Amino acid sequence: MQRSAMLNTIKRQMVMQKARLTSQPACDVFINHRGIDTKRSIASLLYHNLMMSRIPSFLDNKNMKPGDKLFEHIDNAIMGCKIGVAVFSPRYCQSYFCLHELALMMESGKKVIPIFCDVKPSELQVMDNKICSPSEIKRFSYAIEEAKNTVGLAFDTTKGNWSDVVIHTTDLVKEILIEIENEKNHAYPAKVLY
C-alpha cells in the first residue's frame, strides 16, 4: 500500500511539473550571463534587439517576477529554448548559476553561441571553491570546455561597438533558427497522398 501511495505522489508531481512547463510561454533564445558583469550592457541590449526582431527570448530580470522559483523557472526556460547565448565575462566562472545554466544547455544539446566579452576562452576555468561537489565541478568543467571549443564571438568593450556585436549576434540567432526549422521540416517530410 505504501508503494502505491508513493507512485501516486510521483505521478501528481509529474503532472504538476508538466503543467508548469506548458504554462510558461516558450522562448527561442536563452541568454546566459553573469549579471553583475553584463546584465546592464550586452545582455539587456541583446534581449531588447531580439525582442524587437520578434524572437521570444529569456533574460532573468525580464521574464521572472517575485515569487518565481529560481531554478525551476530558469531550468524550464533552458529546456524549452532552441538556442542559448552564453555571454562570458571575466568573473563568469565564479557564478554557480551561470555554470549550472551553461551545463544544462550543453547537456540538453542546445545550440550555444558563445560571446567572449573582455575574456579569452583560454582564461575560463572552473575553480574548486569548496561550494560545488566534485561531480558538479566535473559537469561545469565539461560545459566550459564545450563552450571553448565552439566558434563564438569575441568582444572587447574598450574597443568594440556595442551595437555591432548585438546586431551580429541577432543575425546569427536568426540564421540558426532558420536552420533548426529546416532540419525539423526535413526530419518530418510531408506525406504525399494519391
N, C-alpha and C. Protein backbone atom coordinates (compact mmCIF):
# COMPACT_ATOMS: atom_id res chain seq x y z
N MET A 1 0.81 -1.19 0.00
CA MET A 1 0.00 0.00 0.00
C MET A 1 0.86 1.25 0.00
N GLN A 2 1.96 1.23 0.72
CA GLN A 2 2.83 2.37 0.82
C GLN A 2 3.45 2.69 -0.55
N ARG A 3 3.81 1.65 -1.29
CA ARG A 3 4.40 1.85 -2.62
C ARG A 3 3.39 2.51 -3.55
N SER A 4 2.14 2.10 -3.48
CA SER A 4 1.09 2.68 -4.31
C SER A 4 0.91 4.17 -4.02
N ALA A 5 0.94 4.53 -2.74
CA ALA A 5 0.81 5.94 -2.36
C ALA A 5 1.99 6.75 -2.89
N MET A 6 3.18 6.16 -2.82
CA MET A 6 4.37 6.85 -3.32
C MET A 6 4.29 7.04 -4.83
N LEU A 7 3.83 6.03 -5.56
CA LEU A 7 3.68 6.14 -7.01
C LEU A 7 2.66 7.21 -7.38
N ASN A 8 1.56 7.29 -6.63
CA ASN A 8 0.56 8.33 -6.88
C ASN A 8 1.14 9.72 -6.64
N THR A 9 1.94 9.85 -5.60
CA THR A 9 2.57 11.13 -5.31
C THR A 9 3.51 11.53 -6.45
N ILE A 10 4.28 10.59 -6.93
CA ILE A 10 5.21 10.85 -8.04
C ILE A 10 4.43 11.23 -9.29
N LYS A 11 3.34 10.53 -9.56
CA LYS A 11 2.52 10.86 -10.74
C LYS A 11 1.96 12.27 -10.64
N ARG A 12 1.47 12.64 -9.44
CA ARG A 12 0.94 14.00 -9.25
C ARG A 12 2.02 15.04 -9.49
N GLN A 13 3.22 14.79 -8.98
CA GLN A 13 4.33 15.72 -9.16
C GLN A 13 4.68 15.87 -10.64
N MET A 14 4.65 14.76 -11.37
CA MET A 14 4.95 14.81 -12.80
C MET A 14 3.89 15.61 -13.56
N VAL A 15 2.63 15.42 -13.20
CA VAL A 15 1.54 16.17 -13.84
C VAL A 15 1.69 17.65 -13.54
N MET A 16 2.00 17.98 -12.27
CA MET A 16 2.18 19.39 -11.91
C MET A 16 3.37 19.99 -12.64
N GLN A 17 4.46 19.25 -12.75
CA GLN A 17 5.64 19.73 -13.47
C GLN A 17 5.32 19.98 -14.93
N LYS A 18 4.58 19.05 -15.55
CA LYS A 18 4.20 19.22 -16.96
C LYS A 18 3.31 20.45 -17.12
N ALA A 19 2.40 20.66 -16.19
CA ALA A 19 1.52 21.84 -16.25
C ALA A 19 2.34 23.12 -16.14
N ARG A 20 3.34 23.11 -15.26
CA ARG A 20 4.18 24.31 -15.13
C ARG A 20 4.96 24.55 -16.41
N LEU A 21 5.47 23.49 -17.01
CA LEU A 21 6.23 23.64 -18.25
C LEU A 21 5.38 24.22 -19.37
N THR A 22 4.14 23.77 -19.47
CA THR A 22 3.30 24.23 -20.56
C THR A 22 2.67 25.59 -20.28
N SER A 23 2.63 26.01 -19.02
CA SER A 23 2.00 27.29 -18.71
C SER A 23 2.93 28.46 -18.98
N GLN A 24 4.22 28.21 -19.07
CA GLN A 24 5.16 29.28 -19.35
C GLN A 24 5.25 29.50 -20.85
N PRO A 25 5.31 30.76 -21.26
CA PRO A 25 5.49 30.98 -22.69
C PRO A 25 6.88 30.50 -23.11
N ALA A 26 6.93 29.84 -24.25
CA ALA A 26 8.21 29.32 -24.75
C ALA A 26 9.07 30.47 -25.24
N CYS A 27 10.37 30.28 -25.13
CA CYS A 27 11.30 31.26 -25.68
C CYS A 27 12.19 30.55 -26.69
N ASP A 28 12.61 31.28 -27.69
CA ASP A 28 13.53 30.71 -28.67
C ASP A 28 14.97 30.80 -28.19
N VAL A 29 15.28 31.86 -27.44
CA VAL A 29 16.66 32.13 -27.04
C VAL A 29 16.76 32.32 -25.53
N PHE A 30 17.72 31.63 -24.93
CA PHE A 30 18.01 31.82 -23.51
C PHE A 30 19.34 32.57 -23.42
N ILE A 31 19.36 33.70 -22.72
CA ILE A 31 20.58 34.49 -22.57
C ILE A 31 21.19 34.18 -21.21
N ASN A 32 22.34 33.53 -21.25
CA ASN A 32 23.10 33.13 -20.07
C ASN A 32 24.21 34.16 -19.87
N HIS A 33 24.29 34.73 -18.68
CA HIS A 33 25.26 35.81 -18.44
C HIS A 33 25.53 35.96 -16.95
N ARG A 34 26.61 36.62 -16.62
CA ARG A 34 26.92 36.98 -15.22
C ARG A 34 26.33 38.36 -14.99
N GLY A 35 25.28 38.42 -14.20
CA GLY A 35 24.51 39.65 -14.02
C GLY A 35 25.33 40.87 -13.68
N ILE A 36 26.20 40.79 -12.68
CA ILE A 36 26.94 41.99 -12.27
C ILE A 36 27.93 42.46 -13.33
N ASP A 37 28.28 41.58 -14.26
CA ASP A 37 29.22 41.96 -15.32
C ASP A 37 28.51 42.50 -16.57
N THR A 38 27.41 41.87 -16.96
CA THR A 38 26.88 42.16 -18.30
C THR A 38 25.37 42.40 -18.39
N LYS A 39 24.64 42.32 -17.27
CA LYS A 39 23.19 42.48 -17.35
C LYS A 39 22.77 43.85 -17.87
N ARG A 40 23.43 44.91 -17.40
CA ARG A 40 23.04 46.27 -17.79
C ARG A 40 23.70 46.72 -19.09
N SER A 41 24.39 45.82 -19.74
CA SER A 41 25.04 46.18 -21.01
C SER A 41 24.62 45.17 -22.08
N ILE A 42 25.52 44.30 -22.46
CA ILE A 42 25.28 43.44 -23.61
C ILE A 42 24.07 42.52 -23.45
N ALA A 43 23.83 41.96 -22.26
CA ALA A 43 22.71 41.04 -22.09
C ALA A 43 21.37 41.76 -22.32
N SER A 44 21.20 42.93 -21.72
CA SER A 44 19.94 43.67 -21.90
C SER A 44 19.79 44.20 -23.32
N LEU A 45 20.88 44.68 -23.90
CA LEU A 45 20.82 45.17 -25.28
C LEU A 45 20.47 44.04 -26.25
N LEU A 46 21.05 42.88 -26.04
CA LEU A 46 20.75 41.73 -26.90
C LEU A 46 19.30 41.30 -26.72
N TYR A 47 18.84 41.22 -25.49
CA TYR A 47 17.45 40.85 -25.23
C TYR A 47 16.50 41.81 -25.96
N HIS A 48 16.75 43.10 -25.81
CA HIS A 48 15.89 44.11 -26.45
C HIS A 48 15.91 43.95 -27.97
N ASN A 49 17.08 43.75 -28.55
CA ASN A 49 17.19 43.62 -30.00
C ASN A 49 16.49 42.35 -30.51
N LEU A 50 16.63 41.26 -29.77
CA LEU A 50 15.95 40.02 -30.15
C LEU A 50 14.43 40.20 -30.08
N MET A 51 13.96 40.83 -29.01
CA MET A 51 12.52 41.05 -28.86
C MET A 51 11.99 42.00 -29.95
N MET A 52 12.78 43.01 -30.31
CA MET A 52 12.38 43.92 -31.39
C MET A 52 12.33 43.18 -32.72
N SER A 53 13.11 42.12 -32.84
CA SER A 53 13.11 41.28 -34.04
C SER A 53 12.05 40.18 -33.95
N ARG A 54 11.22 40.25 -32.93
CA ARG A 54 10.13 39.28 -32.68
C ARG A 54 10.65 37.87 -32.45
N ILE A 55 11.76 37.78 -31.75
CA ILE A 55 12.33 36.49 -31.36
C ILE A 55 12.14 36.37 -29.85
N PRO A 56 11.22 35.52 -29.41
CA PRO A 56 10.98 35.37 -27.97
C PRO A 56 12.25 34.93 -27.26
N SER A 57 12.63 35.69 -26.23
CA SER A 57 13.90 35.46 -25.55
C SER A 57 13.70 35.47 -24.04
N PHE A 58 14.65 34.87 -23.35
CA PHE A 58 14.59 34.80 -21.88
C PHE A 58 15.81 35.50 -21.30
N LEU A 59 15.53 36.47 -20.46
CA LEU A 59 16.55 37.13 -19.64
C LEU A 59 15.95 37.21 -18.25
N ASP A 60 16.65 36.69 -17.26
CA ASP A 60 16.06 36.51 -15.94
C ASP A 60 15.30 37.72 -15.41
N ASN A 61 15.88 38.91 -15.45
CA ASN A 61 15.19 40.06 -14.88
C ASN A 61 14.03 40.56 -15.74
N LYS A 62 13.90 40.07 -16.95
CA LYS A 62 12.79 40.46 -17.82
C LYS A 62 11.66 39.44 -17.78
N ASN A 63 11.96 38.19 -17.49
CA ASN A 63 10.97 37.12 -17.59
C ASN A 63 10.54 36.54 -16.24
N MET A 64 11.18 36.96 -15.18
CA MET A 64 10.84 36.41 -13.87
C MET A 64 10.27 37.50 -12.98
N LYS A 65 9.45 37.07 -12.03
CA LYS A 65 8.85 38.03 -11.11
C LYS A 65 9.01 37.52 -9.68
N PRO A 66 8.83 38.38 -8.70
CA PRO A 66 8.95 37.94 -7.31
C PRO A 66 8.04 36.74 -7.04
N GLY A 67 8.58 35.77 -6.37
CA GLY A 67 7.83 34.56 -6.04
C GLY A 67 8.14 33.39 -6.95
N ASP A 68 8.74 33.65 -8.11
CA ASP A 68 9.12 32.55 -9.02
C ASP A 68 10.24 31.73 -8.38
N LYS A 69 10.17 30.43 -8.56
CA LYS A 69 11.22 29.54 -8.10
C LYS A 69 12.38 29.64 -9.09
N LEU A 70 13.51 30.08 -8.62
CA LEU A 70 14.65 30.40 -9.46
C LEU A 70 15.06 29.25 -10.37
N PHE A 71 15.48 28.12 -9.80
CA PHE A 71 15.97 27.02 -10.63
C PHE A 71 14.86 26.45 -11.50
N GLU A 72 13.67 26.31 -10.95
CA GLU A 72 12.57 25.74 -11.72
C GLU A 72 12.26 26.59 -12.95
N HIS A 73 12.17 27.89 -12.77
CA HIS A 73 11.83 28.79 -13.87
C HIS A 73 12.94 28.82 -14.93
N ILE A 74 14.16 28.96 -14.46
CA ILE A 74 15.30 29.04 -15.38
C ILE A 74 15.52 27.70 -16.09
N ASP A 75 15.47 26.60 -15.36
CA ASP A 75 15.66 25.29 -15.98
C ASP A 75 14.60 25.02 -17.04
N ASN A 76 13.35 25.38 -16.75
CA ASN A 76 12.28 25.19 -17.73
C ASN A 76 12.51 26.04 -18.97
N ALA A 77 12.98 27.27 -18.78
CA ALA A 77 13.27 28.14 -19.93
C ALA A 77 14.38 27.56 -20.79
N ILE A 78 15.41 27.03 -20.15
CA ILE A 78 16.51 26.42 -20.91
C ILE A 78 16.02 25.20 -21.68
N MET A 79 15.26 24.35 -21.01
CA MET A 79 14.78 23.14 -21.68
C MET A 79 13.82 23.47 -22.82
N GLY A 80 13.13 24.59 -22.73
CA GLY A 80 12.17 24.97 -23.77
C GLY A 80 12.75 25.80 -24.89
N CYS A 81 13.97 26.32 -24.72
CA CYS A 81 14.54 27.19 -25.75
C CYS A 81 15.12 26.39 -26.91
N LYS A 82 15.41 27.09 -27.99
CA LYS A 82 16.04 26.45 -29.15
C LYS A 82 17.54 26.75 -29.19
N ILE A 83 17.91 27.94 -28.72
CA ILE A 83 19.30 28.41 -28.79
C ILE A 83 19.68 29.04 -27.45
N GLY A 84 20.93 28.85 -27.07
CA GLY A 84 21.46 29.55 -25.91
C GLY A 84 22.53 30.53 -26.37
N VAL A 85 22.54 31.70 -25.77
CA VAL A 85 23.62 32.65 -25.99
C VAL A 85 24.32 32.77 -24.64
N ALA A 86 25.59 32.38 -24.58
CA ALA A 86 26.36 32.45 -23.35
C ALA A 86 27.31 33.64 -23.44
N VAL A 87 27.09 34.63 -22.59
CA VAL A 87 27.93 35.83 -22.56
C VAL A 87 28.97 35.60 -21.46
N PHE A 88 30.19 35.27 -21.88
CA PHE A 88 31.26 35.02 -20.93
C PHE A 88 31.95 36.33 -20.58
N SER A 89 32.21 36.52 -19.31
CA SER A 89 32.89 37.72 -18.81
C SER A 89 33.99 37.26 -17.85
N PRO A 90 34.87 38.17 -17.42
CA PRO A 90 35.99 37.75 -16.57
C PRO A 90 35.58 37.00 -15.30
N ARG A 91 34.43 37.33 -14.71
CA ARG A 91 34.02 36.67 -13.45
C ARG A 91 32.91 35.64 -13.66
N TYR A 92 32.65 35.28 -14.91
CA TYR A 92 31.58 34.33 -15.24
C TYR A 92 31.71 33.03 -14.45
N CYS A 93 32.90 32.45 -14.42
CA CYS A 93 33.11 31.14 -13.80
C CYS A 93 33.03 31.18 -12.27
N GLN A 94 32.86 32.34 -11.69
CA GLN A 94 32.67 32.45 -10.24
C GLN A 94 31.20 32.27 -9.86
N SER A 95 30.32 32.21 -10.84
CA SER A 95 28.90 32.11 -10.58
C SER A 95 28.39 30.68 -10.74
N TYR A 96 27.88 30.12 -9.65
CA TYR A 96 27.28 28.79 -9.70
C TYR A 96 26.12 28.79 -10.70
N PHE A 97 25.30 29.83 -10.67
CA PHE A 97 24.13 29.89 -11.55
C PHE A 97 24.53 29.89 -13.02
N CYS A 98 25.54 30.69 -13.38
CA CYS A 98 26.00 30.72 -14.77
C CYS A 98 26.45 29.34 -15.22
N LEU A 99 27.25 28.70 -14.39
CA LEU A 99 27.80 27.39 -14.74
C LEU A 99 26.70 26.34 -14.82
N HIS A 100 25.75 26.40 -13.91
CA HIS A 100 24.61 25.47 -13.94
C HIS A 100 23.82 25.63 -15.24
N GLU A 101 23.52 26.88 -15.60
CA GLU A 101 22.76 27.15 -16.82
C GLU A 101 23.52 26.66 -18.06
N LEU A 102 24.82 26.97 -18.13
CA LEU A 102 25.63 26.53 -19.27
C LEU A 102 25.65 25.01 -19.37
N ALA A 103 25.86 24.35 -18.23
CA ALA A 103 25.91 22.88 -18.22
C ALA A 103 24.57 22.30 -18.70
N LEU A 104 23.47 22.87 -18.26
CA LEU A 104 22.16 22.38 -18.68
C LEU A 104 21.95 22.58 -20.18
N MET A 105 22.41 23.72 -20.71
CA MET A 105 22.28 23.94 -22.16
C MET A 105 23.11 22.92 -22.93
N MET A 106 24.33 22.67 -22.49
CA MET A 106 25.20 21.73 -23.18
C MET A 106 24.67 20.30 -23.07
N GLU A 107 24.23 19.91 -21.88
CA GLU A 107 23.72 18.56 -21.66
C GLU A 107 22.44 18.28 -22.45
N SER A 108 21.65 19.32 -22.68
CA SER A 108 20.40 19.12 -23.41
C SER A 108 20.58 19.28 -24.91
N GLY A 109 21.81 19.48 -25.35
CA GLY A 109 22.11 19.53 -26.78
C GLY A 109 21.68 20.81 -27.48
N LYS A 110 21.53 21.88 -26.72
CA LYS A 110 21.15 23.15 -27.34
C LYS A 110 22.31 23.71 -28.15
N LYS A 111 21.98 24.39 -29.21
CA LYS A 111 22.98 25.13 -29.97
C LYS A 111 23.33 26.35 -29.11
N VAL A 112 24.61 26.56 -28.85
CA VAL A 112 25.04 27.66 -27.98
C VAL A 112 25.98 28.58 -28.76
N ILE A 113 25.67 29.86 -28.71
CA ILE A 113 26.54 30.89 -29.31
C ILE A 113 27.31 31.54 -28.17
N PRO A 114 28.63 31.32 -28.10
CA PRO A 114 29.41 31.98 -27.05
C PRO A 114 29.80 33.40 -27.47
N ILE A 115 29.71 34.32 -26.54
CA ILE A 115 30.24 35.67 -26.73
C ILE A 115 31.28 35.85 -25.63
N PHE A 116 32.53 36.00 -26.04
CA PHE A 116 33.62 36.17 -25.09
C PHE A 116 33.84 37.66 -24.90
N CYS A 117 33.24 38.19 -23.86
CA CYS A 117 33.23 39.63 -23.59
C CYS A 117 34.32 39.97 -22.58
N ASP A 118 35.37 40.61 -23.06
CA ASP A 118 36.50 41.01 -22.23
C ASP A 118 37.22 39.82 -21.59
N VAL A 119 37.11 38.65 -22.20
CA VAL A 119 37.79 37.47 -21.69
C VAL A 119 38.13 36.57 -22.88
N LYS A 120 39.28 35.93 -22.79
CA LYS A 120 39.67 34.95 -23.82
C LYS A 120 39.17 33.58 -23.39
N PRO A 121 38.79 32.74 -24.35
CA PRO A 121 38.33 31.40 -23.97
C PRO A 121 39.31 30.65 -23.07
N SER A 122 40.60 30.81 -23.33
CA SER A 122 41.61 30.10 -22.53
C SER A 122 41.63 30.55 -21.07
N GLU A 123 41.05 31.70 -20.77
CA GLU A 123 41.03 32.22 -19.40
C GLU A 123 39.87 31.65 -18.57
N LEU A 124 38.95 30.97 -19.21
CA LEU A 124 37.78 30.44 -18.50
C LEU A 124 38.13 29.12 -17.84
N GLN A 125 38.00 29.07 -16.52
CA GLN A 125 38.28 27.85 -15.77
C GLN A 125 37.35 27.77 -14.57
N VAL A 126 36.89 26.56 -14.30
CA VAL A 126 36.07 26.33 -13.12
C VAL A 126 37.02 26.10 -11.95
N MET A 127 36.85 26.89 -10.91
CA MET A 127 37.69 26.77 -9.72
C MET A 127 36.98 25.94 -8.66
N ASP A 128 37.74 25.19 -7.91
CA ASP A 128 37.18 24.41 -6.80
C ASP A 128 37.08 25.35 -5.60
N ASN A 129 35.90 25.95 -5.43
CA ASN A 129 35.70 26.91 -4.35
C ASN A 129 35.06 26.27 -3.11
N LYS A 130 35.04 24.96 -3.09
CA LYS A 130 34.51 24.16 -1.97
C LYS A 130 32.99 24.32 -1.80
N ILE A 131 32.33 25.01 -2.72
CA ILE A 131 30.87 25.14 -2.68
C ILE A 131 30.25 24.03 -3.53
N CYS A 132 30.93 23.69 -4.61
CA CYS A 132 30.42 22.68 -5.53
C CYS A 132 30.94 21.29 -5.17
N SER A 133 30.13 20.30 -5.45
CA SER A 133 30.57 18.92 -5.25
C SER A 133 31.54 18.55 -6.37
N PRO A 134 32.32 17.50 -6.19
CA PRO A 134 33.23 17.07 -7.25
C PRO A 134 32.50 16.76 -8.56
N SER A 135 31.29 16.19 -8.46
CA SER A 135 30.55 15.89 -9.69
C SER A 135 30.09 17.17 -10.39
N GLU A 136 29.74 18.20 -9.61
CA GLU A 136 29.35 19.49 -10.22
C GLU A 136 30.55 20.15 -10.88
N ILE A 137 31.69 20.09 -10.25
CA ILE A 137 32.90 20.68 -10.84
C ILE A 137 33.21 19.99 -12.17
N LYS A 138 33.09 18.68 -12.20
CA LYS A 138 33.32 17.93 -13.44
C LYS A 138 32.30 18.34 -14.50
N ARG A 139 31.05 18.43 -14.12
CA ARG A 139 29.96 18.82 -15.04
C ARG A 139 30.20 20.22 -15.59
N PHE A 140 30.53 21.16 -14.70
CA PHE A 140 30.74 22.55 -15.12
C PHE A 140 31.99 22.68 -15.99
N SER A 141 33.04 21.95 -15.64
CA SER A 141 34.28 22.00 -16.43
C SER A 141 34.03 21.47 -17.84
N TYR A 142 33.25 20.40 -17.95
CA TYR A 142 32.90 19.87 -19.26
C TYR A 142 32.17 20.93 -20.09
N ALA A 143 31.21 21.60 -19.47
CA ALA A 143 30.43 22.62 -20.18
C ALA A 143 31.32 23.78 -20.65
N ILE A 144 32.24 24.20 -19.80
CA ILE A 144 33.17 25.28 -20.18
C ILE A 144 34.05 24.82 -21.34
N GLU A 145 34.55 23.60 -21.29
CA GLU A 145 35.38 23.09 -22.38
C GLU A 145 34.60 23.03 -23.69
N GLU A 146 33.33 22.60 -23.61
CA GLU A 146 32.48 22.58 -24.81
C GLU A 146 32.33 23.99 -25.39
N ALA A 147 32.13 24.96 -24.53
CA ALA A 147 31.97 26.35 -24.99
C ALA A 147 33.27 26.87 -25.60
N LYS A 148 34.39 26.54 -24.99
CA LYS A 148 35.69 26.97 -25.52
C LYS A 148 35.94 26.40 -26.91
N ASN A 149 35.39 25.21 -27.16
CA ASN A 149 35.59 24.54 -28.44
C ASN A 149 34.46 24.81 -29.42
N THR A 150 33.70 25.85 -29.16
CA THR A 150 32.62 26.28 -30.05
C THR A 150 32.98 27.64 -30.62
N VAL A 151 32.82 27.77 -31.92
CA VAL A 151 33.12 29.07 -32.55
C VAL A 151 32.19 30.11 -31.96
N GLY A 152 32.77 31.19 -31.49
CA GLY A 152 31.98 32.25 -30.86
C GLY A 152 32.41 33.61 -31.34
N LEU A 153 31.92 34.60 -30.66
CA LEU A 153 32.25 35.99 -30.96
C LEU A 153 33.13 36.54 -29.85
N ALA A 154 34.13 37.33 -30.23
CA ALA A 154 34.97 37.99 -29.25
C ALA A 154 34.59 39.46 -29.23
N PHE A 155 34.47 40.01 -28.03
CA PHE A 155 34.10 41.42 -27.91
C PHE A 155 34.91 42.08 -26.81
N ASP A 156 35.60 43.14 -27.18
CA ASP A 156 36.39 43.94 -26.24
C ASP A 156 35.62 45.24 -26.02
N THR A 157 35.13 45.43 -24.80
CA THR A 157 34.28 46.60 -24.52
C THR A 157 35.03 47.93 -24.63
N THR A 158 36.36 47.88 -24.56
CA THR A 158 37.12 49.14 -24.67
C THR A 158 37.35 49.55 -26.12
N LYS A 159 37.20 48.61 -27.06
CA LYS A 159 37.46 48.90 -28.46
C LYS A 159 36.27 48.66 -29.36
N GLY A 160 35.37 47.79 -28.95
CA GLY A 160 34.27 47.37 -29.81
C GLY A 160 33.07 48.29 -29.74
N ASN A 161 32.17 48.10 -30.70
CA ASN A 161 30.93 48.84 -30.76
C ASN A 161 29.81 47.92 -30.29
N TRP A 162 29.11 48.33 -29.25
CA TRP A 162 28.04 47.50 -28.67
C TRP A 162 27.01 47.10 -29.71
N SER A 163 26.58 48.06 -30.52
CA SER A 163 25.53 47.74 -31.49
C SER A 163 26.00 46.72 -32.51
N ASP A 164 27.28 46.74 -32.87
CA ASP A 164 27.79 45.76 -33.84
C ASP A 164 27.67 44.33 -33.31
N VAL A 165 28.09 44.11 -32.08
CA VAL A 165 28.04 42.75 -31.53
C VAL A 165 26.60 42.30 -31.31
N VAL A 166 25.73 43.21 -30.90
CA VAL A 166 24.32 42.86 -30.67
C VAL A 166 23.64 42.53 -32.00
N ILE A 167 23.86 43.34 -33.01
CA ILE A 167 23.25 43.09 -34.33
C ILE A 167 23.80 41.80 -34.94
N HIS A 168 25.11 41.60 -34.82
CA HIS A 168 25.73 40.38 -35.37
C HIS A 168 25.16 39.13 -34.68
N THR A 169 25.05 39.19 -33.35
CA THR A 169 24.50 38.05 -32.61
C THR A 169 23.05 37.79 -33.00
N THR A 170 22.27 38.85 -33.13
CA THR A 170 20.86 38.70 -33.54
C THR A 170 20.77 38.06 -34.92
N ASP A 171 21.63 38.49 -35.83
CA ASP A 171 21.64 37.89 -37.17
C ASP A 171 22.01 36.41 -37.12
N LEU A 172 22.98 36.05 -36.27
CA LEU A 172 23.35 34.64 -36.10
C LEU A 172 22.19 33.83 -35.55
N VAL A 173 21.49 34.40 -34.58
CA VAL A 173 20.34 33.71 -33.99
C VAL A 173 19.29 33.45 -35.06
N LYS A 174 19.02 34.45 -35.89
CA LYS A 174 18.03 34.29 -36.96
C LYS A 174 18.43 33.16 -37.91
N GLU A 175 19.71 33.14 -38.30
CA GLU A 175 20.20 32.09 -39.20
C GLU A 175 20.04 30.71 -38.58
N ILE A 176 20.40 30.59 -37.32
CA ILE A 176 20.32 29.29 -36.64
C ILE A 176 18.87 28.86 -36.47
N LEU A 177 17.98 29.78 -36.16
CA LEU A 177 16.57 29.43 -36.04
C LEU A 177 16.02 28.92 -37.37
N ILE A 178 16.44 29.52 -38.46
CA ILE A 178 16.03 29.05 -39.79
C ILE A 178 16.57 27.65 -40.04
N GLU A 179 17.86 27.42 -39.69
CA GLU A 179 18.46 26.09 -39.85
C GLU A 179 17.70 25.04 -39.02
N ILE A 180 17.37 25.38 -37.79
CA ILE A 180 16.66 24.45 -36.92
C ILE A 180 15.29 24.13 -37.51
N GLU A 181 14.61 25.14 -38.03
CA GLU A 181 13.29 24.92 -38.63
C GLU A 181 13.41 24.05 -39.88
N ASN A 182 14.43 24.31 -40.71
CA ASN A 182 14.64 23.49 -41.90
C ASN A 182 14.96 22.05 -41.55
N GLU A 183 15.79 21.84 -40.52
CA GLU A 183 16.11 20.48 -40.08
C GLU A 183 14.85 19.77 -39.58
N LYS A 184 14.02 20.49 -38.86
CA LYS A 184 12.78 19.91 -38.34
C LYS A 184 11.86 19.52 -39.50
N ASN A 185 11.78 20.36 -40.52
CA ASN A 185 10.92 20.06 -41.67
C ASN A 185 11.44 18.87 -42.47
N HIS A 186 12.77 18.73 -42.54
CA HIS A 186 13.35 17.58 -43.25
C HIS A 186 13.22 16.30 -42.45
N ALA A 187 13.15 16.43 -41.14
CA ALA A 187 13.01 15.24 -40.30
C ALA A 187 11.61 14.67 -40.42
N TYR A 188 10.65 15.50 -40.73
CA TYR A 188 9.25 15.06 -40.88
C TYR A 188 8.78 15.44 -42.27
N PRO A 189 9.19 14.66 -43.30
CA PRO A 189 8.79 15.02 -44.65
C PRO A 189 7.27 14.92 -44.82
N ALA A 190 6.78 15.78 -45.68
CA ALA A 190 5.33 15.78 -45.95
C ALA A 190 4.93 14.49 -46.65
N LYS A 191 3.79 13.99 -46.27
CA LYS A 191 3.28 12.77 -46.90
C LYS A 191 2.47 13.15 -48.13
N VAL A 192 2.73 12.46 -49.19
CA VAL A 192 2.02 12.71 -50.44
C VAL A 192 0.88 11.71 -50.54
N LEU A 193 -0.31 12.21 -50.67
CA LEU A 193 -1.49 11.35 -50.79
C LEU A 193 -1.90 11.27 -52.25
N TYR A 194 -2.13 10.08 -52.70
CA TYR A 194 -2.55 9.88 -54.10
C TYR A 194 -3.96 9.42 -54.15
